[in-house]
Amino acid sequence: MTSRSAQDRLRAEQQGRDGEALAAQFLKREGYEILAERARNDAGEIDLIAKKEGIIAFVEVKWRKRAADLDTAIDERRLARVAAAAEIAAYDYAKQGEDIRVDVILLAPGVPPRHITNAWMP
């Protein structure tokens, strides 16, 4: 039998995957091509890698149950981890001189996605 905390982790994992799928759909509607989902390397994981008009965006996706919680969903430490993973991944995805950036997409029920472009400024 699965413990309560294991069930919570599984539920959170599924919500994260659902949020990433919604974010990918949003980006496609905005004209992005999705290059990768859940890309992993030695520095960490990048939820989505997307391309549009000479830009490769390494995207962190955050889903919250309440829109009020979106303002605290992302912090500098998490952005730094995504940026470190993006720095490694850039060699595989930005092969034609594209600019790179770290974006964030915040999602919650009942509100439109909030897309923060160029969220990481070291």
N, C-alpha and C. Protein backbone atom coordinates (compact mmCIF):
# COMPACT_ATOMS: atom_id res chain seq x y z
N MET A 1 0.83 -1.19 0.00
CA MET A 1 0.00 0.00 0.00
C MET A 1 0.88 1.25 0.00
N THR A 2 0.48 2.25 -0.77
CA THR A 2 1.25 3.49 -0.90
C THR A 2 0.96 4.40 0.28
N SER A 3 2.01 4.97 0.86
CA SER A 3 1.83 5.88 1.98
C SER A 3 1.23 7.20 1.50
N ARG A 4 0.72 7.96 2.42
CA ARG A 4 0.10 9.24 2.10
C ARG A 4 1.10 10.18 1.43
N SER A 5 2.32 10.25 1.94
CA SER A 5 3.31 11.17 1.35
C SER A 5 3.69 10.72 -0.06
N ALA A 6 3.75 9.42 -0.29
CA ALA A 6 4.04 8.93 -1.64
C ALA A 6 2.89 9.29 -2.58
N GLN A 7 1.67 9.19 -2.11
CA GLN A 7 0.52 9.59 -2.93
C GLN A 7 0.57 11.07 -3.25
N ASP A 8 0.94 11.87 -2.25
CA ASP A 8 1.05 13.31 -2.48
C ASP A 8 2.12 13.62 -3.52
N ARG A 9 3.25 12.92 -3.44
CA ARG A 9 4.31 13.14 -4.42
C ARG A 9 3.85 12.75 -5.83
N LEU A 10 3.14 11.63 -5.93
CA LEU A 10 2.63 11.21 -7.24
C LEU A 10 1.64 12.22 -7.79
N ARG A 11 0.78 12.73 -6.94
CA ARG A 11 -0.20 13.72 -7.36
C ARG A 11 0.51 15.00 -7.82
N ALA A 12 1.50 15.43 -7.05
CA ALA A 12 2.26 16.64 -7.42
C ALA A 12 3.00 16.42 -8.74
N GLU A 13 3.57 15.24 -8.92
CA GLU A 13 4.27 14.92 -10.17
C GLU A 13 3.31 15.00 -11.35
N GLN A 14 2.11 14.45 -11.21
CA GLN A 14 1.13 14.49 -12.29
C GLN A 14 0.67 15.92 -12.56
N GLN A 15 0.48 16.70 -11.51
CA GLN A 15 0.08 18.10 -11.71
C GLN A 15 1.19 18.87 -12.43
N GLY A 16 2.44 18.56 -12.09
CA GLY A 16 3.55 19.20 -12.78
C GLY A 16 3.57 18.85 -14.26
N ARG A 17 3.37 17.59 -14.56
CA ARG A 17 3.32 17.17 -15.97
C ARG A 17 2.16 17.82 -16.71
N ASP A 18 1.01 17.89 -16.05
CA ASP A 18 -0.16 18.54 -16.67
C ASP A 18 0.13 20.02 -16.92
N GLY A 19 0.77 20.67 -15.95
CA GLY A 19 1.12 22.08 -16.10
C GLY A 19 2.10 22.29 -17.25
N GLU A 20 3.07 21.40 -17.38
CA GLU A 20 4.03 21.50 -18.48
C GLU A 20 3.35 21.32 -19.82
N ALA A 21 2.37 20.41 -19.89
CA ALA A 21 1.62 20.22 -21.14
C ALA A 21 0.82 21.47 -21.48
N LEU A 22 0.19 22.09 -20.48
CA LEU A 22 -0.55 23.34 -20.72
C LEU A 22 0.39 24.46 -21.16
N ALA A 23 1.56 24.53 -20.53
CA ALA A 23 2.54 25.56 -20.91
C ALA A 23 3.02 25.35 -22.34
N ALA A 24 3.25 24.10 -22.72
CA ALA A 24 3.68 23.80 -24.10
C ALA A 24 2.60 24.22 -25.09
N GLN A 25 1.34 23.94 -24.78
CA GLN A 25 0.24 24.36 -25.66
C GLN A 25 0.20 25.88 -25.77
N PHE A 26 0.37 26.57 -24.65
CA PHE A 26 0.39 28.03 -24.65
C PHE A 26 1.51 28.56 -25.55
N LEU A 27 2.71 28.01 -25.38
CA LEU A 27 3.84 28.46 -26.18
C LEU A 27 3.61 28.21 -27.67
N LYS A 28 3.05 27.06 -28.01
CA LYS A 28 2.75 26.78 -29.42
C LYS A 28 1.78 27.81 -29.98
N ARG A 29 0.75 28.17 -29.21
CA ARG A 29 -0.20 29.20 -29.66
C ARG A 29 0.49 30.55 -29.84
N GLU A 30 1.55 30.78 -29.09
CA GLU A 30 2.31 32.03 -29.19
C GLU A 30 3.38 31.98 -30.28
N GLY A 31 3.43 30.88 -31.04
CA GLY A 31 4.35 30.79 -32.16
C GLY A 31 5.67 30.10 -31.89
N TYR A 32 5.81 29.49 -30.72
CA TYR A 32 7.04 28.77 -30.39
C TYR A 32 6.98 27.34 -30.90
N GLU A 33 8.14 26.82 -31.20
CA GLU A 33 8.30 25.40 -31.51
C GLU A 33 8.88 24.75 -30.25
N ILE A 34 8.26 23.69 -29.79
CA ILE A 34 8.77 22.98 -28.61
C ILE A 34 9.87 22.03 -29.08
N LEU A 35 11.07 22.24 -28.57
CA LEU A 35 12.22 21.42 -28.95
C LEU A 35 12.43 20.24 -28.01
N ALA A 36 12.09 20.42 -26.74
CA ALA A 36 12.29 19.35 -25.76
C ALA A 36 11.41 19.59 -24.54
N GLU A 37 11.08 18.49 -23.89
CA GLU A 37 10.35 18.53 -22.62
C GLU A 37 11.15 17.75 -21.59
N ARG A 38 11.22 18.29 -20.39
CA ARG A 38 11.95 17.65 -19.29
C ARG A 38 13.36 17.23 -19.68
N ALA A 39 14.09 18.17 -20.20
CA ALA A 39 15.48 17.92 -20.62
C ALA A 39 16.36 17.91 -19.37
N ARG A 40 17.12 16.85 -19.21
CA ARG A 40 17.98 16.70 -18.03
C ARG A 40 19.45 16.72 -18.44
N ASN A 41 20.26 17.30 -17.55
CA ASN A 41 21.71 17.22 -17.70
C ASN A 41 22.32 17.25 -16.31
N ASP A 42 23.62 17.33 -16.22
CA ASP A 42 24.29 17.27 -14.92
C ASP A 42 23.89 18.39 -13.97
N ALA A 43 23.46 19.51 -14.50
CA ALA A 43 23.09 20.66 -13.66
C ALA A 43 21.64 20.63 -13.20
N GLY A 44 20.79 19.85 -13.87
CA GLY A 44 19.39 19.80 -13.46
C GLY A 44 18.46 19.52 -14.61
N GLU A 45 17.21 19.94 -14.43
CA GLU A 45 16.17 19.68 -15.42
C GLU A 45 15.58 20.99 -15.92
N ILE A 46 15.29 21.00 -17.20
CA ILE A 46 14.61 22.14 -17.83
C ILE A 46 13.26 21.62 -18.27
N ASP A 47 12.18 22.27 -17.80
CA ASP A 47 10.84 21.78 -18.10
C ASP A 47 10.55 21.77 -19.59
N LEU A 48 10.80 22.88 -20.26
CA LEU A 48 10.56 22.99 -21.70
C LEU A 48 11.70 23.76 -22.35
N ILE A 49 12.02 23.37 -23.56
CA ILE A 49 12.95 24.15 -24.38
C ILE A 49 12.17 24.49 -25.66
N ALA A 50 12.10 25.79 -25.94
CA ALA A 50 11.27 26.25 -27.05
C ALA A 50 12.06 27.25 -27.90
N LYS A 51 11.67 27.34 -29.17
CA LYS A 51 12.35 28.22 -30.11
C LYS A 51 11.34 29.11 -30.81
N LYS A 52 11.74 30.38 -30.97
CA LYS A 52 10.92 31.33 -31.73
C LYS A 52 11.81 32.46 -32.20
N GLU A 53 11.80 32.71 -33.49
CA GLU A 53 12.46 33.88 -34.08
C GLU A 53 13.88 34.10 -33.56
N GLY A 54 14.71 33.08 -33.67
CA GLY A 54 16.11 33.22 -33.31
C GLY A 54 16.40 33.22 -31.82
N ILE A 55 15.44 32.80 -31.03
CA ILE A 55 15.62 32.72 -29.57
C ILE A 55 15.33 31.30 -29.11
N ILE A 56 16.21 30.78 -28.28
CA ILE A 56 15.96 29.51 -27.61
C ILE A 56 15.61 29.86 -26.17
N ALA A 57 14.41 29.48 -25.75
CA ALA A 57 13.95 29.75 -24.39
C ALA A 57 13.99 28.46 -23.58
N PHE A 58 14.66 28.52 -22.45
CA PHE A 58 14.69 27.43 -21.50
C PHE A 58 13.67 27.79 -20.43
N VAL A 59 12.59 27.02 -20.36
CA VAL A 59 11.40 27.45 -19.63
C VAL A 59 11.17 26.62 -18.37
N GLU A 60 11.04 27.32 -17.26
CA GLU A 60 10.63 26.71 -15.99
C GLU A 60 9.13 26.93 -15.87
N VAL A 61 8.39 25.86 -15.58
CA VAL A 61 6.94 25.93 -15.47
C VAL A 61 6.55 25.70 -14.01
N LYS A 62 5.69 26.56 -13.50
CA LYS A 62 5.19 26.42 -12.14
C LYS A 62 3.67 26.44 -12.17
N TRP A 63 3.07 25.43 -11.54
CA TRP A 63 1.62 25.33 -11.43
C TRP A 63 1.27 25.41 -9.95
N ARG A 64 0.26 26.19 -9.64
CA ARG A 64 -0.23 26.30 -8.26
C ARG A 64 -1.75 26.14 -8.25
N LYS A 65 -2.26 25.66 -7.16
CA LYS A 65 -3.71 25.47 -7.02
C LYS A 65 -4.45 26.79 -6.96
N ARG A 66 -3.78 27.81 -6.42
CA ARG A 66 -4.41 29.12 -6.27
C ARG A 66 -3.58 30.19 -6.97
N ALA A 67 -4.24 31.06 -7.70
CA ALA A 67 -3.54 32.14 -8.40
C ALA A 67 -2.75 33.01 -7.44
N ALA A 68 -3.25 33.18 -6.22
CA ALA A 68 -2.57 34.01 -5.23
C ALA A 68 -1.19 33.47 -4.89
N ASP A 69 -0.95 32.18 -5.10
CA ASP A 69 0.34 31.58 -4.77
C ASP A 69 1.37 31.71 -5.89
N LEU A 70 0.98 32.24 -7.03
CA LEU A 70 1.91 32.33 -8.16
C LEU A 70 3.05 33.30 -7.91
N ASP A 71 2.80 34.35 -7.14
CA ASP A 71 3.83 35.36 -6.92
C ASP A 71 5.04 34.81 -6.16
N THR A 72 4.85 33.73 -5.44
CA THR A 72 5.96 33.14 -4.68
C THR A 72 6.37 31.77 -5.22
N ALA A 73 5.94 31.44 -6.42
CA ALA A 73 6.19 30.12 -6.99
C ALA A 73 7.63 29.93 -7.46
N ILE A 74 8.30 31.00 -7.76
CA ILE A 74 9.66 30.90 -8.30
C ILE A 74 10.59 31.80 -7.48
N ASP A 75 11.80 31.32 -7.27
CA ASP A 75 12.76 32.11 -6.51
C ASP A 75 14.11 32.11 -7.22
N GLU A 76 15.02 32.93 -6.72
CA GLU A 76 16.31 33.08 -7.38
C GLU A 76 17.11 31.77 -7.40
N ARG A 77 17.02 30.99 -6.34
CA ARG A 77 17.75 29.72 -6.26
C ARG A 77 17.28 28.77 -7.36
N ARG A 78 15.98 28.65 -7.55
CA ARG A 78 15.46 27.76 -8.59
C ARG A 78 15.82 28.28 -9.97
N LEU A 79 15.73 29.58 -10.17
CA LEU A 79 16.11 30.16 -11.46
C LEU A 79 17.59 29.92 -11.75
N ALA A 80 18.42 30.01 -10.72
CA ALA A 80 19.85 29.77 -10.92
C ALA A 80 20.11 28.34 -11.36
N ARG A 81 19.36 27.38 -10.82
CA ARG A 81 19.52 25.98 -11.23
C ARG A 81 19.09 25.79 -12.68
N VAL A 82 17.98 26.41 -13.07
CA VAL A 82 17.53 26.32 -14.46
C VAL A 82 18.57 26.97 -15.38
N ALA A 83 19.10 28.11 -14.97
CA ALA A 83 20.10 28.80 -15.79
C ALA A 83 21.35 27.95 -15.95
N ALA A 84 21.76 27.26 -14.89
CA ALA A 84 22.95 26.39 -14.99
C ALA A 84 22.69 25.24 -15.95
N ALA A 85 21.50 24.64 -15.88
CA ALA A 85 21.15 23.57 -16.81
C ALA A 85 21.04 24.11 -18.23
N ALA A 86 20.51 25.33 -18.39
CA ALA A 86 20.39 25.95 -19.71
C ALA A 86 21.76 26.23 -20.32
N GLU A 87 22.70 26.63 -19.49
CA GLU A 87 24.05 26.91 -19.99
C GLU A 87 24.66 25.66 -20.62
N ILE A 88 24.45 24.52 -20.00
CA ILE A 88 24.95 23.26 -20.56
C ILE A 88 24.16 22.88 -21.81
N ALA A 89 22.84 22.98 -21.74
CA ALA A 89 21.97 22.56 -22.85
C ALA A 89 22.10 23.46 -24.06
N ALA A 90 22.51 24.69 -23.86
CA ALA A 90 22.60 25.65 -24.97
C ALA A 90 23.47 25.11 -26.10
N TYR A 91 24.50 24.35 -25.76
CA TYR A 91 25.39 23.80 -26.80
C TYR A 91 24.66 22.83 -27.72
N ASP A 92 23.62 22.19 -27.21
CA ASP A 92 22.85 21.24 -28.02
C ASP A 92 21.71 21.90 -28.79
N TYR A 93 21.22 23.04 -28.32
CA TYR A 93 20.03 23.63 -28.91
C TYR A 93 20.27 24.95 -29.65
N ALA A 94 21.25 25.72 -29.27
CA ALA A 94 21.53 27.00 -29.92
C ALA A 94 22.74 26.83 -30.83
N LYS A 95 22.56 26.08 -31.90
CA LYS A 95 23.67 25.74 -32.79
C LYS A 95 23.83 26.70 -33.96
N GLN A 96 22.86 27.59 -34.14
CA GLN A 96 22.91 28.50 -35.28
C GLN A 96 22.98 29.96 -34.84
N GLY A 97 23.60 30.18 -33.68
CA GLY A 97 23.78 31.55 -33.21
C GLY A 97 22.56 32.17 -32.56
N GLU A 98 21.58 31.35 -32.19
CA GLU A 98 20.39 31.90 -31.55
C GLU A 98 20.74 32.51 -30.20
N ASP A 99 19.98 33.52 -29.82
CA ASP A 99 20.08 34.05 -28.47
C ASP A 99 19.42 33.05 -27.53
N ILE A 100 19.86 33.01 -26.28
CA ILE A 100 19.23 32.13 -25.31
C ILE A 100 18.74 32.96 -24.13
N ARG A 101 17.72 32.43 -23.47
CA ARG A 101 17.19 33.09 -22.29
C ARG A 101 16.47 32.06 -21.43
N VAL A 102 16.24 32.43 -20.18
CA VAL A 102 15.46 31.60 -19.26
C VAL A 102 14.12 32.30 -19.05
N ASP A 103 13.04 31.60 -19.33
CA ASP A 103 11.69 32.10 -19.14
C ASP A 103 11.00 31.32 -18.03
N VAL A 104 9.92 31.87 -17.54
CA VAL A 104 9.07 31.19 -16.56
C VAL A 104 7.64 31.31 -17.03
N ILE A 105 6.89 30.22 -16.89
CA ILE A 105 5.45 30.26 -17.14
C ILE A 105 4.77 29.84 -15.84
N LEU A 106 3.90 30.73 -15.35
CA LEU A 106 3.15 30.48 -14.12
C LEU A 106 1.71 30.16 -14.48
N LEU A 107 1.20 29.07 -13.89
CA LEU A 107 -0.14 28.59 -14.20
C LEU A 107 -0.94 28.34 -12.93
N ALA A 108 -2.24 28.67 -12.98
CA ALA A 108 -3.18 28.36 -11.91
C ALA A 108 -4.57 28.30 -12.52
N PRO A 109 -5.46 27.53 -11.92
CA PRO A 109 -6.82 27.45 -12.45
C PRO A 109 -7.50 28.82 -12.48
N GLY A 110 -8.21 29.08 -13.57
CA GLY A 110 -9.02 30.28 -13.67
C GLY A 110 -8.31 31.55 -14.07
N VAL A 111 -6.99 31.47 -14.32
CA VAL A 111 -6.27 32.67 -14.76
C VAL A 111 -5.45 32.32 -16.00
N PRO A 112 -5.24 33.29 -16.88
CA PRO A 112 -4.42 33.01 -18.06
C PRO A 112 -2.97 32.74 -17.65
N PRO A 113 -2.25 31.99 -18.46
CA PRO A 113 -0.83 31.76 -18.16
C PRO A 113 -0.08 33.08 -18.09
N ARG A 114 0.87 33.17 -17.16
CA ARG A 114 1.72 34.34 -17.04
C ARG A 114 3.11 33.94 -17.54
N HIS A 115 3.53 34.54 -18.65
CA HIS A 115 4.80 34.22 -19.28
C HIS A 115 5.79 35.33 -18.95
N ILE A 116 6.80 34.99 -18.18
CA ILE A 116 7.85 35.94 -17.82
C ILE A 116 9.05 35.63 -18.71
N THR A 117 9.32 36.52 -19.66
CA THR A 117 10.45 36.30 -20.57
C THR A 117 11.72 36.85 -19.93
N ASN A 118 12.83 36.18 -20.22
CA ASN A 118 14.14 36.60 -19.73
C ASN A 118 14.12 36.81 -18.22
N ALA A 119 13.64 35.81 -17.50
CA ALA A 119 13.46 35.90 -16.05
C ALA A 119 14.76 35.86 -15.27
N TRP A 120 15.82 35.32 -15.87
CA TRP A 120 17.09 35.20 -15.15
C TRP A 120 18.07 36.24 -15.65
N MET A 121 18.47 37.11 -14.75
CA MET A 121 19.47 38.13 -15.06
C MET A 121 20.56 38.01 -14.00
N PRO A 122 21.64 37.27 -14.30
CA PRO A 122 22.68 37.05 -13.28
C PRO A 122 23.38 38.32 -12.86
